[in-house]
Amino acid sequence: MDLDFYQTEAMSYRIDSANEAYALFNLAAEVGEVLGLVAKLIRDGAGEKNMEELMKKELGDVMWMVCAVADDAGLSLSEICTENLSKLADRKARNKIMGSGDER
């Protein structure tokens, strides 16, 4: 799927009350739900039969929130992803994939 198509379509479902603050705070909440699923997997083992489906749904919610935050910043997902891949390729070429900090 084309990322910009997804962003446009996803934002067509945005309601007025899902403002910039909501999108930003709820991005953290949705990431928390993904982490909660993983924590339960660690605690309970692979007993959850539909873990893959649950993870897909939660990651979809994260993606929607990323779209909203990007949209609020005037950015497109394709632009964000293209620049991220360029950054990673540069780090790999300089053998700087490991480590910390944005400017490595």
Protein backbone atom coordinates (compact mmCIF):
# COMPACT_ATOMS: atom_id res chain seq x y z
CA MET A 1 0.00 0.00 0.00
CA ASP A 2 1.16 3.51 -0.79
CA LEU A 3 1.96 5.38 2.43
CA ASP A 4 0.53 8.69 1.31
CA PHE A 5 -2.68 7.00 0.20
CA TYR A 6 -2.94 5.40 3.63
CA GLN A 7 -2.33 8.75 5.32
CA THR A 8 -5.00 10.49 3.26
CA GLU A 9 -7.52 7.71 3.82
CA ALA A 10 -6.75 7.37 7.53
CA MET A 11 -7.16 11.10 8.08
CA SER A 12 -10.54 11.03 6.35
CA TYR A 13 -11.83 9.29 9.50
CA ARG A 14 -10.46 11.93 11.87
CA ILE A 15 -13.07 13.70 13.94
CA ASP A 16 -12.81 17.30 15.14
CA SER A 17 -12.10 16.36 18.75
CA ALA A 18 -9.05 14.31 17.68
CA ASN A 19 -6.94 17.47 17.72
CA GLU A 20 -3.13 17.81 17.81
CA ALA A 21 -2.86 17.24 21.56
CA TYR A 22 -5.12 14.18 21.39
CA ALA A 23 -3.08 12.68 18.55
CA LEU A 24 0.21 13.21 20.32
CA PHE A 25 -0.91 11.91 23.72
CA ASN A 26 -2.85 9.00 22.25
CA LEU A 27 0.16 7.94 20.16
CA ALA A 28 1.89 7.19 23.47
CA ALA A 29 -1.22 5.39 24.73
CA GLU A 30 -1.42 3.18 21.65
CA VAL A 31 2.28 2.32 21.87
CA GLY A 32 1.58 1.40 25.48
CA GLU A 33 -1.07 -1.05 24.33
CA VAL A 34 1.48 -2.72 22.02
CA LEU A 35 3.92 -2.95 24.91
CA GLY A 36 1.17 -4.41 27.10
CA LEU A 37 0.59 -7.19 24.61
CA VAL A 38 4.29 -8.03 24.58
CA ALA A 39 4.44 -7.92 28.39
CA LYS A 40 1.56 -10.39 28.60
CA LEU A 41 3.34 -12.62 26.07
CA ILE A 42 6.44 -12.58 28.26
CA ARG A 43 4.40 -13.26 31.39
CA ASP A 44 2.05 -15.90 29.99
CA GLY A 45 4.13 -17.40 27.20
CA ALA A 46 2.76 -18.10 23.75
CA GLY A 47 -0.66 -19.07 25.10
CA GLU A 48 -2.57 -16.27 23.36
CA LYS A 49 -3.83 -17.85 20.16
CA ASN A 50 -4.73 -14.61 18.43
CA MET A 51 -1.62 -12.60 19.46
CA GLU A 52 -0.74 -11.90 15.83
CA GLU A 53 -4.21 -10.51 15.14
CA LEU A 54 -4.20 -8.44 18.34
CA MET A 55 -0.76 -7.07 17.47
CA LYS A 56 -1.92 -6.16 13.95
CA LYS A 57 -4.85 -4.22 15.37
CA GLU A 58 -2.76 -2.36 17.93
CA LEU A 59 -0.03 -1.52 15.42
CA GLY A 60 -2.76 -0.26 13.09
CA ASP A 61 -3.88 2.10 15.86
CA VAL A 62 -0.26 3.25 16.28
CA MET A 63 -0.06 3.89 12.54
CA TRP A 64 -3.22 5.98 12.60
CA MET A 65 -1.78 8.12 15.40
CA VAL A 66 1.55 8.49 13.57
CA CYS A 67 -0.42 9.68 10.53
CA ALA A 68 -2.27 12.23 12.63
CA VAL A 69 0.91 13.58 14.25
CA ALA A 70 2.62 13.74 10.85
CA ASP A 71 -0.41 15.42 9.30
CA ASP A 72 -0.45 18.01 12.09
CA ALA A 73 3.22 18.74 11.36
CA GLY A 74 2.54 19.07 7.63
CA LEU A 75 4.57 15.95 6.82
CA SER A 76 3.79 12.98 4.62
CA LEU A 77 4.50 9.40 5.65
CA SER A 78 6.43 8.78 2.43
CA GLU A 79 8.66 11.78 3.18
CA ILE A 80 9.25 10.58 6.73
CA CYS A 81 10.02 7.00 5.67
CA THR A 82 12.27 8.06 2.77
CA GLU A 83 14.36 10.29 5.03
CA ASN A 84 14.53 7.57 7.68
CA LEU A 85 15.85 5.02 5.15
CA SER A 86 18.43 7.55 3.92
CA LYS A 87 19.57 8.16 7.51
CA LEU A 88 19.89 4.41 8.14
CA ALA A 89 21.80 3.83 4.89
CA ASP A 90 24.22 6.63 5.79
CA ARG A 91 24.77 5.17 9.26
CA LYS A 92 25.36 1.72 7.80
CA ALA A 93 27.86 3.10 5.28
CA ARG A 94 29.75 4.78 8.13
CA ASN A 95 29.43 1.70 10.39
CA LYS A 96 27.37 3.71 12.88
CA ILE A 97 24.18 1.61 13.05
CA MET A 98 24.97 0.71 16.65
CA GLY A 99 25.22 3.35 19.30
CA SER A 100 22.92 6.07 20.46
CA GLY A 101 22.07 9.61 19.55
CA ASP A 102 20.48 11.06 16.46
CA GLU A 103 23.68 12.66 15.17
CA ARG A 104 25.93 9.62 14.94
